[in-house]
Amino acid sequence: MAKIDLSGLADQIKDGYSFSTDAKGNVVGNHAVTPVANGKTVSYAAGKNLTVAQNIDNATGEHTYTYALSND
């Protein structure tokens, strides 16, 4: 009977994860590429009189978040 040791698999998956954020366009204040920890969520919020649209390209997996003035 063959034995397979998968004890290090979880660490390899966790350590291989990489995700960063940055601000582009009309940026207010300072910005920098910032890593996001595994299992954490990044939220995009539209402030007063703004909207935010989430577009995901199914072919490439690219995510784009576009802010605009609201119609109010």
PDB file of N, CA and C in Angstrom:
ATOM      1  N   MET A   1       0.840  -1.167   0.000  1.00  0.00           N
ATOM      2  CA  MET A   1       0.000   0.000   0.000  1.00  0.00           C
ATOM      3  C   MET A   1       0.896   1.246   0.000  1.00  0.00           C
ATOM      4  N   ALA A   2       0.625   2.172  -0.880  1.00  0.00           N
ATOM      5  CA  ALA A   2       1.393   3.416  -0.970  1.00  0.00           C
ATOM      6  C   ALA A   2       0.830   4.440  -0.003  1.00  0.00           C
ATOM      7  N   LYS A   3       1.731   5.225   0.576  1.00  0.00           N
ATOM      8  CA  LYS A   3       1.323   6.313   1.472  1.00  0.00           C
ATOM      9  C   LYS A   3       1.690   7.635   0.819  1.00  0.00           C
ATOM     10  N   ILE A   4       0.790   8.589   0.920  1.00  0.00           N
ATOM     11  CA  ILE A   4       1.035   9.932   0.394  1.00  0.00           C
ATOM     12  C   ILE A   4       0.971  10.898   1.565  1.00  0.00           C
ATOM     13  N   ASP A   5       2.037  11.680   1.749  1.00  0.00           N
ATOM     14  CA  ASP A   5       2.088  12.655   2.839  1.00  0.00           C
ATOM     15  C   ASP A   5       1.623  14.013   2.316  1.00  0.00           C
ATOM     16  N   LEU A   6       0.460  14.450   2.750  1.00  0.00           N
ATOM     17  CA  LEU A   6      -0.097  15.743   2.335  1.00  0.00           C
ATOM     18  C   LEU A   6      -0.001  16.784   3.447  1.00  0.00           C
ATOM     19  N   SER A   7       0.819  16.521   4.460  1.00  0.00           N
ATOM     20  CA  SER A   7       0.869  17.419   5.617  1.00  0.00           C
ATOM     21  C   SER A   7       1.314  18.834   5.254  1.00  0.00           C
ATOM     22  N   GLY A   8       2.134  19.004   4.236  1.00  0.00           N
ATOM     23  CA  GLY A   8       2.600  20.336   3.862  1.00  0.00           C
ATOM     24  C   GLY A   8       1.745  21.014   2.812  1.00  0.00           C
ATOM     25  N   LEU A   9       0.717  20.348   2.324  1.00  0.00           N
ATOM     26  CA  LEU A   9      -0.096  20.894   1.239  1.00  0.00           C
ATOM     27  C   LEU A   9      -0.812  22.181   1.634  1.00  0.00           C
ATOM     28  N   ALA A  10      -1.399  22.219   2.815  1.00  0.00           N
ATOM     29  CA  ALA A  10      -2.129  23.413   3.251  1.00  0.00           C
ATOM     30  C   ALA A  10      -1.206  24.620   3.322  1.00  0.00           C
ATOM     31  N   ASP A  11       0.009  24.441   3.839  1.00  0.00           N
ATOM     32  CA  ASP A  11       0.956  25.554   3.919  1.00  0.00           C
ATOM     33  C   ASP A  11       1.377  26.019   2.532  1.00  0.00           C
ATOM     34  N   GLN A  12       1.550  25.099   1.595  1.00  0.00           N
ATOM     35  CA  GLN A  12       1.920  25.478   0.239  1.00  0.00           C
ATOM     36  C   GLN A  12       0.816  26.284  -0.429  1.00  0.00           C
ATOM     37  N   ILE A  13      -0.421  25.897  -0.213  1.00  0.00           N
ATOM     38  CA  ILE A  13      -1.547  26.642  -0.781  1.00  0.00           C
ATOM     39  C   ILE A  13      -1.615  28.022  -0.154  1.00  0.00           C
ATOM     40  N   LYS A  14      -1.499  28.089   1.162  1.00  0.00           N
ATOM     41  CA  LYS A  14      -1.577  29.366   1.882  1.00  0.00           C
ATOM     42  C   LYS A  14      -0.432  30.282   1.478  1.00  0.00           C
ATOM     43  N   ASP A  15       0.787  29.742   1.415  1.00  0.00           N
ATOM     44  CA  ASP A  15       1.955  30.546   1.093  1.00  0.00           C
ATOM     45  C   ASP A  15       2.000  30.946  -0.374  1.00  0.00           C
ATOM     46  N   GLY A  16       1.331  30.207  -1.253  1.00  0.00           N
ATOM     47  CA  GLY A  16       1.324  30.521  -2.668  1.00  0.00           C
ATOM     48  C   GLY A  16       0.298  31.575  -3.047  1.00  0.00           C
ATOM     49  N   TYR A  17      -0.563  31.951  -2.099  1.00  0.00           N
ATOM     50  CA  TYR A  17      -1.618  32.925  -2.340  1.00  0.00           C
ATOM     51  C   TYR A  17      -1.022  34.321  -2.384  1.00  0.00           C
ATOM     52  N   SER A  18      -1.434  35.132  -3.341  1.00  0.00           N
ATOM     53  CA  SER A  18      -0.955  36.507  -3.433  1.00  0.00           C
ATOM     54  C   SER A  18      -2.047  37.387  -4.023  1.00  0.00           C
ATOM     55  N   PHE A  19      -2.374  38.453  -3.315  1.00  0.00           N
ATOM     56  CA  PHE A  19      -3.379  39.398  -3.784  1.00  0.00           C
ATOM     57  C   PHE A  19      -3.014  40.769  -3.246  1.00  0.00           C
ATOM     58  N   SER A  20      -3.039  41.777  -4.093  1.00  0.00           N
ATOM     59  CA  SER A  20      -2.700  43.139  -3.688  1.00  0.00           C
ATOM     60  C   SER A  20      -3.734  44.113  -4.216  1.00  0.00           C
ATOM     61  N   THR A  21      -3.793  45.283  -3.592  1.00  0.00           N
ATOM     62  CA  THR A  21      -4.678  46.343  -4.052  1.00  0.00           C
ATOM     63  C   THR A  21      -3.874  47.616  -4.271  1.00  0.00           C
ATOM     64  N   ASP A  22      -4.417  48.515  -5.063  1.00  0.00           N
ATOM     65  CA  ASP A  22      -3.837  49.837  -5.277  1.00  0.00           C
ATOM     66  C   ASP A  22      -4.944  50.749  -5.787  1.00  0.00           C
ATOM     67  N   ALA A  23      -4.757  52.028  -5.649  1.00  0.00           N
ATOM     68  CA  ALA A  23      -5.718  53.013  -6.145  1.00  0.00           C
ATOM     69  C   ALA A  23      -5.159  53.632  -7.420  1.00  0.00           C
ATOM     70  N   LYS A  24      -6.032  53.881  -8.386  1.00  0.00           N
ATOM     71  CA  LYS A  24      -5.623  54.482  -9.652  1.00  0.00           C
ATOM     72  C   LYS A  24      -6.609  55.586 -10.023  1.00  0.00           C
ATOM     73  N   GLY A  25      -6.220  56.437 -10.953  1.00  0.00           N
ATOM     74  CA  GLY A  25      -7.109  57.492 -11.423  1.00  0.00           C
ATOM     75  C   GLY A  25      -7.040  58.721 -10.531  1.00  0.00           C
ATOM     76  N   ASN A  26      -8.175  59.319 -10.229  1.00  0.00           N
ATOM     77  CA  ASN A  26      -8.267  60.516  -9.394  1.00  0.00           C
ATOM     78  C   ASN A  26      -8.178  60.129  -7.924  1.00  0.00           C
ATOM     79  N   VAL A  27      -6.987  59.890  -7.432  1.00  0.00           N
ATOM     80  CA  VAL A  27      -6.776  59.377  -6.080  1.00  0.00           C
ATOM     81  C   VAL A  27      -6.728  60.526  -5.083  1.00  0.00           C
ATOM     82  N   VAL A  28      -7.400  60.340  -3.959  1.00  0.00           N
ATOM     83  CA  VAL A  28      -7.357  61.310  -2.867  1.00  0.00           C
ATOM     84  C   VAL A  28      -6.404  60.775  -1.814  1.00  0.00           C
ATOM     85  N   GLY A  29      -5.415  61.567  -1.425  1.00  0.00           N
ATOM     86  CA  GLY A  29      -4.465  61.126  -0.408  1.00  0.00           C
ATOM     87  C   GLY A  29      -3.411  60.198  -0.982  1.00  0.00           C
ATOM     88  N   ASN A  30      -2.653  59.595  -0.083  1.00  0.00           N
ATOM     89  CA  ASN A  30      -1.578  58.687  -0.483  1.00  0.00           C
ATOM     90  C   ASN A  30      -2.139  57.317  -0.839  1.00  0.00           C
ATOM     91  N   HIS A  31      -1.415  56.593  -1.671  1.00  0.00           N
ATOM     92  CA  HIS A  31      -1.808  55.224  -1.995  1.00  0.00           C
ATOM     93  C   HIS A  31      -0.561  54.405  -2.238  1.00  0.00           C
ATOM     94  N   ALA A  32      -0.667  53.122  -2.042  1.00  0.00           N
ATOM     95  CA  ALA A  32       0.445  52.205  -2.277  1.00  0.00           C
ATOM     96  C   ALA A  32      -0.117  50.818  -2.541  1.00  0.00           C
ATOM     97  N   VAL A  33       0.629  50.012  -3.261  1.00  0.00           N
ATOM     98  CA  VAL A  33       0.242  48.616  -3.439  1.00  0.00           C
ATOM     99  C   VAL A  33       0.259  47.972  -2.059  1.00  0.00           C
ATOM    100  N   THR A  34      -0.850  47.358  -1.680  1.00  0.00           N
ATOM    101  CA  THR A  34      -1.016  46.810  -0.341  1.00  0.00           C
ATOM    102  C   THR A  34      -1.446  45.355  -0.430  1.00  0.00           C
ATOM    103  N   PRO A  35      -0.730  44.451   0.248  1.00  0.00           N
ATOM    104  CA  PRO A  35      -1.147  43.047   0.226  1.00  0.00           C
ATOM    105  C   PRO A  35      -2.422  42.830   1.028  1.00  0.00           C
ATOM    106  N   VAL A  36      -3.238  41.891   0.577  1.00  0.00           N
ATOM    107  CA  VAL A  36      -4.463  41.515   1.282  1.00  0.00           C
ATOM    108  C   VAL A  36      -4.239  40.111   1.837  1.00  0.00           C
ATOM    109  N   ALA A  37      -4.455  39.944   3.128  1.00  0.00           N
ATOM    110  CA  ALA A  37      -4.221  38.652   3.772  1.00  0.00           C
ATOM    111  C   ALA A  37      -5.205  37.603   3.265  1.00  0.00           C
ATOM    112  N   ASN A  38      -4.767  36.370   3.225  1.00  0.00           N
ATOM    113  CA  ASN A  38      -5.597  35.253   2.800  1.00  0.00           C
ATOM    114  C   ASN A  38      -6.857  35.172   3.663  1.00  0.00           C
ATOM    115  N   GLY A  39      -8.005  35.049   3.026  1.00  0.00           N
ATOM    116  CA  GLY A  39      -9.270  34.928   3.743  1.00  0.00           C
ATOM    117  C   GLY A  39      -9.928  36.248   4.079  1.00  0.00           C
ATOM    118  N   LYS A  40      -9.289  37.369   3.776  1.00  0.00           N
ATOM    119  CA  LYS A  40      -9.864  38.685   4.061  1.00  0.00           C
ATOM    120  C   LYS A  40     -10.612  39.208   2.839  1.00  0.00           C
ATOM    121  N   THR A  41     -11.526  40.148   3.062  1.00  0.00           N
ATOM    122  CA  THR A  41     -12.360  40.710   2.004  1.00  0.00           C
ATOM    123  C   THR A  41     -11.980  42.161   1.757  1.00  0.00           C
ATOM    124  N   VAL A  42     -11.945  42.552   0.496  1.00  0.00           N
ATOM    125  CA  VAL A  42     -11.750  43.948   0.116  1.00  0.00           C
ATOM    126  C   VAL A  42     -13.107  44.484  -0.298  1.00  0.00           C
ATOM    127  N   SER A  43     -13.538  45.580   0.310  1.00  0.00           N
ATOM    128  CA  SER A  43     -14.837  46.189  -0.016  1.00  0.00           C
ATOM    129  C   SER A  43     -14.603  47.517  -0.716  1.00  0.00           C
ATOM    130  N   TYR A  44     -15.420  47.792  -1.717  1.00  0.00           N
ATOM    131  CA  TYR A  44     -15.344  49.050  -2.455  1.00  0.00           C
ATOM    132  C   TYR A  44     -16.606  49.834  -2.142  1.00  0.00           C
ATOM    133  N   ALA A  45     -16.454  51.038  -1.639  1.00  0.00           N
ATOM    134  CA  ALA A  45     -17.602  51.835  -1.221  1.00  0.00           C
ATOM    135  C   ALA A  45     -17.665  53.121  -2.035  1.00  0.00           C
ATOM    136  N   ALA A  46     -18.873  53.498  -2.418  1.00  0.00           N
ATOM    137  CA  ALA A  46     -19.098  54.764  -3.113  1.00  0.00           C
ATOM    138  C   ALA A  46     -19.578  55.771  -2.077  1.00  0.00           C
ATOM    139  N   GLY A  47     -18.907  56.886  -1.993  1.00  0.00           N
ATOM    140  CA  GLY A  47     -19.293  57.921  -1.040  1.00  0.00           C
ATOM    141  C   GLY A  47     -20.509  58.694  -1.521  1.00  0.00           C
ATOM    142  N   LYS A  48     -20.793  59.781  -0.842  1.00  0.00           N
ATOM    143  CA  LYS A  48     -21.967  60.610  -1.138  1.00  0.00           C
ATOM    144  C   LYS A  48     -21.959  61.046  -2.605  1.00  0.00           C
ATOM    145  N   ASN A  49     -23.097  60.894  -3.257  1.00  0.00           N
ATOM    146  CA  ASN A  49     -23.317  61.289  -4.654  1.00  0.00           C
ATOM    147  C   ASN A  49     -22.466  60.504  -5.656  1.00  0.00           C
ATOM    148  N   LEU A  50     -22.046  59.302  -5.274  1.00  0.00           N
ATOM    149  CA  LEU A  50     -21.265  58.454  -6.165  1.00  0.00           C
ATOM    150  C   LEU A  50     -21.921  57.089  -6.319  1.00  0.00           C
ATOM    151  N   THR A  51     -21.587  56.413  -7.411  1.00  0.00           N
ATOM    152  CA  THR A  51     -21.975  55.017  -7.600  1.00  0.00           C
ATOM    153  C   THR A  51     -20.701  54.226  -7.878  1.00  0.00           C
ATOM    154  N   VAL A  52     -20.752  52.933  -7.651  1.00  0.00           N
ATOM    155  CA  VAL A  52     -19.632  52.063  -8.003  1.00  0.00           C
ATOM    156  C   VAL A  52     -20.195  50.863  -8.759  1.00  0.00           C
ATOM    157  N   ALA A  53     -19.608  50.586  -9.921  1.00  0.00           N
ATOM    158  CA  ALA A  53     -20.036  49.452 -10.741  1.00  0.00           C
ATOM    159  C   ALA A  53     -18.928  48.406 -10.742  1.00  0.00           C
ATOM    160  N   GLN A  54     -19.303  47.152 -10.505  1.00  0.00           N
ATOM    161  CA  GLN A  54     -18.355  46.045 -10.523  1.00  0.00           C
ATOM    162  C   GLN A  54     -18.515  45.304 -11.846  1.00  0.00           C
ATOM    163  N   ASN A  55     -17.425  45.194 -12.602  1.00  0.00           N
ATOM    164  CA  ASN A  55     -17.437  44.463 -13.869  1.00  0.00           C
ATOM    165  C   ASN A  55     -16.355  43.395 -13.827  1.00  0.00           C
ATOM    166  N   ILE A  56     -16.746  42.144 -14.108  1.00  0.00           N
ATOM    167  CA  ILE A  56     -15.808  41.029 -14.109  1.00  0.00           C
ATOM    168  C   ILE A  56     -15.795  40.425 -15.504  1.00  0.00           C
ATOM    169  N   ASP A  57     -14.629  40.420 -16.134  1.00  0.00           N
ATOM    170  CA  ASP A  57     -14.464  39.834 -17.462  1.00  0.00           C
ATOM    171  C   ASP A  57     -14.354  38.323 -17.293  1.00  0.00           C
ATOM    172  N   ASN A  58     -15.372  37.592 -17.724  1.00  0.00           N
ATOM    173  CA  ASN A  58     -15.396  36.142 -17.548  1.00  0.00           C
ATOM    174  C   ASN A  58     -14.274  35.437 -18.304  1.00  0.00           C
ATOM    175  N   ALA A  59     -13.811  36.027 -19.389  1.00  0.00           N
ATOM    176  CA  ALA A  59     -12.757  35.394 -20.182  1.00  0.00           C
ATOM    177  C   ALA A  59     -11.391  35.513 -19.510  1.00  0.00           C
ATOM    178  N   THR A  60     -11.104  36.679 -18.928  1.00  0.00           N
ATOM    179  CA  THR A  60      -9.777  36.908 -18.346  1.00  0.00           C
ATOM    180  C   THR A  60      -9.766  36.839 -16.827  1.00  0.00           C
ATOM    181  N   GLY A  61     -10.943  36.984 -16.198  1.00  0.00           N
ATOM    182  CA  GLY A  61     -11.001  37.012 -14.740  1.00  0.00           C
ATOM    183  C   GLY A  61     -10.638  38.360 -14.154  1.00  0.00           C
ATOM    184  N   GLU A  62     -10.408  39.358 -15.011  1.00  0.00           N
ATOM    185  CA  GLU A  62     -10.061  40.700 -14.541  1.00  0.00           C
ATOM    186  C   GLU A  62     -11.269  41.367 -13.901  1.00  0.00           C
ATOM    187  N   HIS A  63     -11.039  42.061 -12.807  1.00  0.00           N
ATOM    188  CA  HIS A  63     -12.092  42.800 -12.109  1.00  0.00           C
ATOM    189  C   HIS A  63     -11.847  44.291 -12.300  1.00  0.00           C
ATOM    190  N   THR A  64     -12.900  45.043 -12.626  1.00  0.00           N
ATOM    191  CA  THR A  64     -12.812  46.492 -12.749  1.00  0.00           C
ATOM    192  C   THR A  64     -13.936  47.109 -11.937  1.00  0.00           C
ATOM    193  N   TYR A  65     -13.598  48.104 -11.133  1.00  0.00           N
ATOM    194  CA  TYR A  65     -14.584  48.831 -10.333  1.00  0.00           C
ATOM    195  C   TYR A  65     -14.556  50.279 -10.805  1.00  0.00           C
ATOM    196  N   THR A  66     -15.693  50.753 -11.319  1.00  0.00           N
ATOM    197  CA  THR A  66     -15.768  52.084 -11.901  1.00  0.00           C
ATOM    198  C   THR A  66     -16.676  52.962 -11.056  1.00  0.00           C
ATOM    199  N   TYR A  67     -16.167  54.097 -10.656  1.00  0.00           N
ATOM    200  CA  TYR A  67     -16.930  55.062  -9.865  1.00  0.00           C
ATOM    201  C   TYR A  67     -17.438  56.165 -10.780  1.00  0.00           C
ATOM    202  N   ALA A  68     -18.632  56.673 -10.488  1.00  0.00           N
ATOM    203  CA  ALA A  68     -19.222  57.759 -11.272  1.00  0.00           C
ATOM    204  C   ALA A  68     -20.101  58.596 -10.357  1.00  0.00           C
ATOM    205  N   LEU A  69     -20.474  59.763 -10.838  1.00  0.00           N
ATOM    206  CA  LEU A  69     -21.421  60.599 -10.102  1.00  0.00           C
ATOM    207  C   LEU A  69     -22.805  59.975 -10.183  1.00  0.00           C
ATOM    208  N   SER A  70     -23.535  60.040  -9.095  1.00  0.00           N
ATOM    209  CA  SER A  70     -24.899  59.505  -9.108  1.00  0.00           C
ATOM    210  C   SER A  70     -25.826  60.481  -9.807  1.00  0.00           C
ATOM    211  N   ASN A  71     -27.027  60.045 -10.133  1.00  0.00           N
ATOM    212  CA  ASN A  71     -27.992  60.888 -10.842  1.00  0.00           C
ATOM    213  C   ASN A  71     -28.778  61.800  -9.921  1.00  0.00           C
ATOM    214  N   ASP A  72     -28.525  61.753  -8.626  1.00  0.00           N
ATOM    215  CA  ASP A  72     -29.293  62.587  -7.678  1.00  0.00           C
ATOM    216  C   ASP A  72     -28.987  64.051  -7.826  1.00  0.00           C
TER     217      ASP A  72
END
